[in-house]
């Protein structure tokens, strides 16, 4: 279900690189730690706006931005976002 909802919000030119094991806080909110990438910042910023506007997700925190390298051609963002999945 999570991946289907992410797929609906993901711009065509952005990629989900990884999703770490979700964390559950003391109020039973699910927190997702994800890495997303794109050739430029625009698609990732579009994704952040879509996540924040979605009723299933919430505010997004960007933790790191890694520039492209010889082995990884994408600009990579590590983000955390609340996911409104009922437990």
N, C-alpha and C. Protein backbone atom coordinates (compact mmCIF):
# COMPACT_ATOMS: atom_id res chain seq x y z
N UNK A 1 0.82 -1.19 0.00
CA UNK A 1 0.00 0.00 0.00
C UNK A 1 0.87 1.26 0.00
N UNK A 2 1.90 1.26 0.83
CA UNK A 2 2.82 2.40 0.90
C UNK A 2 3.44 2.68 -0.46
N UNK A 3 3.94 1.65 -1.12
CA UNK A 3 4.61 1.85 -2.40
C UNK A 3 3.63 2.32 -3.48
N UNK A 4 2.40 1.87 -3.43
CA UNK A 4 1.39 2.34 -4.38
C UNK A 4 1.14 3.82 -4.18
N UNK A 5 1.03 4.27 -2.93
CA UNK A 5 0.78 5.68 -2.65
C UNK A 5 1.99 6.54 -3.04
N UNK A 6 3.18 6.03 -2.80
CA UNK A 6 4.38 6.77 -3.21
C UNK A 6 4.46 6.86 -4.74
N UNK A 7 4.12 5.78 -5.41
CA UNK A 7 4.16 5.76 -6.87
C UNK A 7 3.22 6.81 -7.46
N UNK A 8 2.06 6.99 -6.84
CA UNK A 8 1.10 7.97 -7.33
C UNK A 8 1.61 9.40 -7.19
N UNK A 9 2.46 9.65 -6.20
CA UNK A 9 2.98 10.99 -5.96
C UNK A 9 4.32 11.26 -6.64
N UNK A 10 5.04 10.22 -6.99
CA UNK A 10 6.39 10.36 -7.52
C UNK A 10 6.38 10.94 -8.94
N UNK A 11 7.09 12.05 -9.15
CA UNK A 11 7.21 12.57 -10.52
C UNK A 11 7.91 11.54 -11.41
N UNK A 12 7.62 11.58 -12.70
CA UNK A 12 8.18 10.58 -13.62
C UNK A 12 9.70 10.61 -13.67
N UNK A 13 10.30 11.76 -13.38
CA UNK A 13 11.75 11.89 -13.48
C UNK A 13 12.46 11.90 -12.13
N UNK A 14 11.79 11.36 -11.11
CA UNK A 14 12.41 11.15 -9.79
C UNK A 14 12.38 9.66 -9.49
N UNK A 15 13.31 9.22 -8.67
CA UNK A 15 13.39 7.80 -8.34
C UNK A 15 13.45 7.59 -6.83
N UNK A 16 12.74 6.56 -6.38
CA UNK A 16 12.85 6.14 -4.99
C UNK A 16 14.05 5.20 -4.92
N UNK A 17 15.07 5.59 -4.19
CA UNK A 17 16.29 4.78 -4.10
C UNK A 17 16.18 3.77 -2.98
N UNK A 18 15.68 4.20 -1.82
CA UNK A 18 15.53 3.25 -0.70
C UNK A 18 14.52 3.78 0.30
N UNK A 19 13.94 2.84 1.04
CA UNK A 19 13.08 3.15 2.18
C UNK A 19 13.61 2.31 3.33
N UNK A 20 14.01 2.97 4.38
CA UNK A 20 14.50 2.23 5.55
C UNK A 20 13.32 1.75 6.37
N UNK A 21 13.57 0.82 7.26
CA UNK A 21 12.53 0.27 8.12
C UNK A 21 11.77 1.40 8.80
N UNK A 22 10.45 1.47 8.63
CA UNK A 22 9.68 2.56 9.25
C UNK A 22 9.83 2.56 10.77
N UNK A 23 9.81 3.76 11.34
CA UNK A 23 9.87 3.93 12.78
C UNK A 23 8.48 4.32 13.27
N UNK A 24 8.14 3.93 14.47
CA UNK A 24 6.87 4.29 15.08
C UNK A 24 7.17 5.07 16.34
N UNK A 25 6.62 6.29 16.42
CA UNK A 25 6.91 7.11 17.60
C UNK A 25 5.93 6.81 18.73
N UNK A 26 6.05 7.54 19.83
CA UNK A 26 5.24 7.27 21.03
C UNK A 26 3.75 7.53 20.82
N UNK A 27 3.38 8.27 19.79
CA UNK A 27 1.97 8.52 19.51
C UNK A 27 1.45 7.63 18.36
N UNK A 28 2.20 6.57 18.06
CA UNK A 28 1.85 5.60 17.02
C UNK A 28 1.84 6.18 15.61
N UNK A 29 2.61 7.23 15.38
CA UNK A 29 2.78 7.74 14.02
C UNK A 29 3.92 6.99 13.36
N UNK A 30 3.74 6.69 12.07
CA UNK A 30 4.76 5.99 11.30
C UNK A 30 5.63 7.04 10.61
N UNK A 31 6.94 6.92 10.81
CA UNK A 31 7.89 7.86 10.22
C UNK A 31 8.73 7.11 9.20
N UNK A 32 8.72 7.59 7.95
CA UNK A 32 9.47 6.96 6.87
C UNK A 32 10.78 7.70 6.63
N UNK A 33 11.84 6.94 6.49
CA UNK A 33 13.17 7.46 6.18
C UNK A 33 13.49 6.95 4.77
N UNK A 34 13.53 7.88 3.81
CA UNK A 34 13.67 7.49 2.40
C UNK A 34 14.82 8.23 1.74
N UNK A 35 15.36 7.61 0.71
CA UNK A 35 16.31 8.27 -0.18
C UNK A 35 15.66 8.35 -1.55
N UNK A 36 15.66 9.56 -2.11
CA UNK A 36 15.11 9.77 -3.44
C UNK A 36 16.16 10.49 -4.27
N UNK A 37 16.07 10.32 -5.57
CA UNK A 37 17.07 10.94 -6.43
C UNK A 37 16.48 11.40 -7.75
N UNK A 38 17.22 12.31 -8.39
CA UNK A 38 16.84 12.82 -9.71
C UNK A 38 18.07 13.48 -10.32
N UNK A 39 18.00 13.72 -11.61
CA UNK A 39 19.12 14.36 -12.30
C UNK A 39 19.29 15.81 -11.87
N UNK A 40 18.17 16.46 -11.51
CA UNK A 40 18.20 17.84 -11.02
C UNK A 40 17.33 17.94 -9.76
N UNK A 41 17.38 19.06 -9.09
CA UNK A 41 16.63 19.23 -7.84
C UNK A 41 15.12 19.37 -8.08
N UNK A 42 14.70 19.86 -9.23
CA UNK A 42 13.30 20.14 -9.50
C UNK A 42 12.33 18.99 -9.21
N UNK A 43 12.57 17.79 -9.73
CA UNK A 43 11.64 16.69 -9.48
C UNK A 43 11.54 16.32 -7.99
N UNK A 44 12.65 16.40 -7.28
CA UNK A 44 12.62 16.05 -5.85
C UNK A 44 11.83 17.11 -5.09
N UNK A 45 12.03 18.38 -5.42
CA UNK A 45 11.27 19.44 -4.77
C UNK A 45 9.78 19.30 -5.07
N UNK A 46 9.44 18.88 -6.28
CA UNK A 46 8.05 18.62 -6.64
C UNK A 46 7.49 17.49 -5.78
N UNK A 47 8.27 16.44 -5.59
CA UNK A 47 7.83 15.33 -4.73
C UNK A 47 7.60 15.81 -3.30
N UNK A 48 8.49 16.62 -2.77
CA UNK A 48 8.33 17.13 -1.40
C UNK A 48 7.02 17.90 -1.26
N UNK A 49 6.70 18.73 -2.24
CA UNK A 49 5.45 19.48 -2.22
C UNK A 49 4.24 18.55 -2.27
N UNK A 50 4.33 17.52 -3.12
CA UNK A 50 3.22 16.57 -3.25
C UNK A 50 3.02 15.78 -1.95
N UNK A 51 4.12 15.38 -1.30
CA UNK A 51 4.01 14.66 -0.03
C UNK A 51 3.34 15.52 1.03
N UNK A 52 3.75 16.77 1.12
CA UNK A 52 3.18 17.66 2.13
C UNK A 52 1.71 17.96 1.86
N UNK A 53 1.30 17.99 0.60
CA UNK A 53 -0.09 18.27 0.24
C UNK A 53 -0.99 17.04 0.36
N UNK A 54 -0.40 15.86 0.44
CA UNK A 54 -1.17 14.62 0.48
C UNK A 54 -1.77 14.39 1.87
N UNK A 55 -3.01 13.89 1.92
CA UNK A 55 -3.61 13.57 3.22
C UNK A 55 -2.96 12.33 3.88
N UNK A 56 -2.23 11.52 3.13
CA UNK A 56 -1.61 10.31 3.67
C UNK A 56 -0.20 10.55 4.21
N UNK A 57 0.37 11.68 3.88
CA UNK A 57 1.71 12.01 4.34
C UNK A 57 1.64 13.35 5.06
N UNK A 58 2.77 13.82 5.55
CA UNK A 58 2.76 15.07 6.28
C UNK A 58 3.99 15.88 5.99
N UNK A 59 4.39 16.71 6.95
CA UNK A 59 5.58 17.54 6.75
C UNK A 59 6.81 16.69 6.45
N UNK A 60 7.65 17.22 5.58
CA UNK A 60 8.85 16.52 5.14
C UNK A 60 10.07 17.22 5.73
N UNK A 61 11.03 16.42 6.20
CA UNK A 61 12.32 16.95 6.67
C UNK A 61 13.40 16.41 5.74
N UNK A 62 14.23 17.30 5.22
CA UNK A 62 15.36 16.90 4.39
C UNK A 62 16.59 16.85 5.28
N UNK A 63 17.25 15.69 5.32
CA UNK A 63 18.40 15.52 6.19
C UNK A 63 19.73 15.69 5.47
N UNK A 64 19.83 15.15 4.29
CA UNK A 64 21.08 15.31 3.54
C UNK A 64 20.78 15.43 2.06
N UNK A 65 21.70 16.09 1.38
CA UNK A 65 21.67 16.18 -0.07
C UNK A 65 23.07 15.79 -0.54
N UNK A 66 23.13 14.77 -1.39
CA UNK A 66 24.42 14.27 -1.89
C UNK A 66 24.49 14.56 -3.38
N UNK A 67 25.52 15.29 -3.81
CA UNK A 67 25.63 15.61 -5.24
C UNK A 67 25.97 14.36 -6.06
N UNK A 68 25.75 14.43 -7.37
CA UNK A 68 26.12 13.30 -8.23
C UNK A 68 27.62 13.02 -8.16
N UNK A 69 27.97 11.79 -8.44
CA UNK A 69 29.38 11.39 -8.48
C UNK A 69 29.61 10.53 -9.72
N UNK A 70 30.82 10.04 -9.88
CA UNK A 70 31.11 9.19 -11.03
C UNK A 70 30.35 7.87 -10.96
N UNK A 71 30.12 7.37 -9.75
CA UNK A 71 29.43 6.09 -9.60
C UNK A 71 27.92 6.24 -9.42
N UNK A 72 27.46 7.41 -9.02
CA UNK A 72 26.03 7.66 -8.82
C UNK A 72 25.66 8.96 -9.52
N UNK A 73 24.99 8.86 -10.68
CA UNK A 73 24.72 10.06 -11.49
C UNK A 73 23.58 10.94 -10.96
N UNK A 74 22.85 10.49 -9.94
CA UNK A 74 21.70 11.25 -9.46
C UNK A 74 22.04 12.13 -8.26
N UNK A 75 21.36 13.23 -8.16
CA UNK A 75 21.36 14.07 -6.97
C UNK A 75 20.48 13.34 -5.98
N UNK A 76 21.00 13.01 -4.79
CA UNK A 76 20.26 12.17 -3.83
C UNK A 76 19.88 12.97 -2.58
N UNK A 77 18.63 12.80 -2.17
CA UNK A 77 18.11 13.45 -0.96
C UNK A 77 17.70 12.37 0.03
N UNK A 78 18.06 12.57 1.29
CA UNK A 78 17.54 11.70 2.35
C UNK A 78 16.48 12.50 3.08
N UNK A 79 15.25 11.98 3.07
CA UNK A 79 14.13 12.70 3.66
C UNK A 79 13.41 11.82 4.68
N UNK A 80 12.71 12.48 5.59
CA UNK A 80 11.84 11.79 6.54
C UNK A 80 10.48 12.43 6.45
N UNK A 81 9.44 11.60 6.49
CA UNK A 81 8.06 12.08 6.36
C UNK A 81 7.15 11.19 7.18
N UNK A 82 6.12 11.78 7.79
CA UNK A 82 5.10 11.01 8.49
C UNK A 82 4.20 10.33 7.46
N UNK A 83 3.79 9.12 7.80
CA UNK A 83 2.87 8.37 6.94
C UNK A 83 1.65 8.03 7.76
N UNK A 84 0.47 8.37 7.28
CA UNK A 84 -0.76 8.22 8.03
C UNK A 84 -1.36 6.83 7.90
N UNK A 85 -0.53 5.82 8.05
CA UNK A 85 -1.01 4.43 8.02
C UNK A 85 -1.57 4.10 9.39
N UNK A 86 -2.77 3.56 9.45
CA UNK A 86 -3.35 3.19 10.73
C UNK A 86 -2.73 1.89 11.22
N UNK A 87 -2.39 1.87 12.50
CA UNK A 87 -1.81 0.66 13.08
C UNK A 87 -2.87 -0.22 13.67
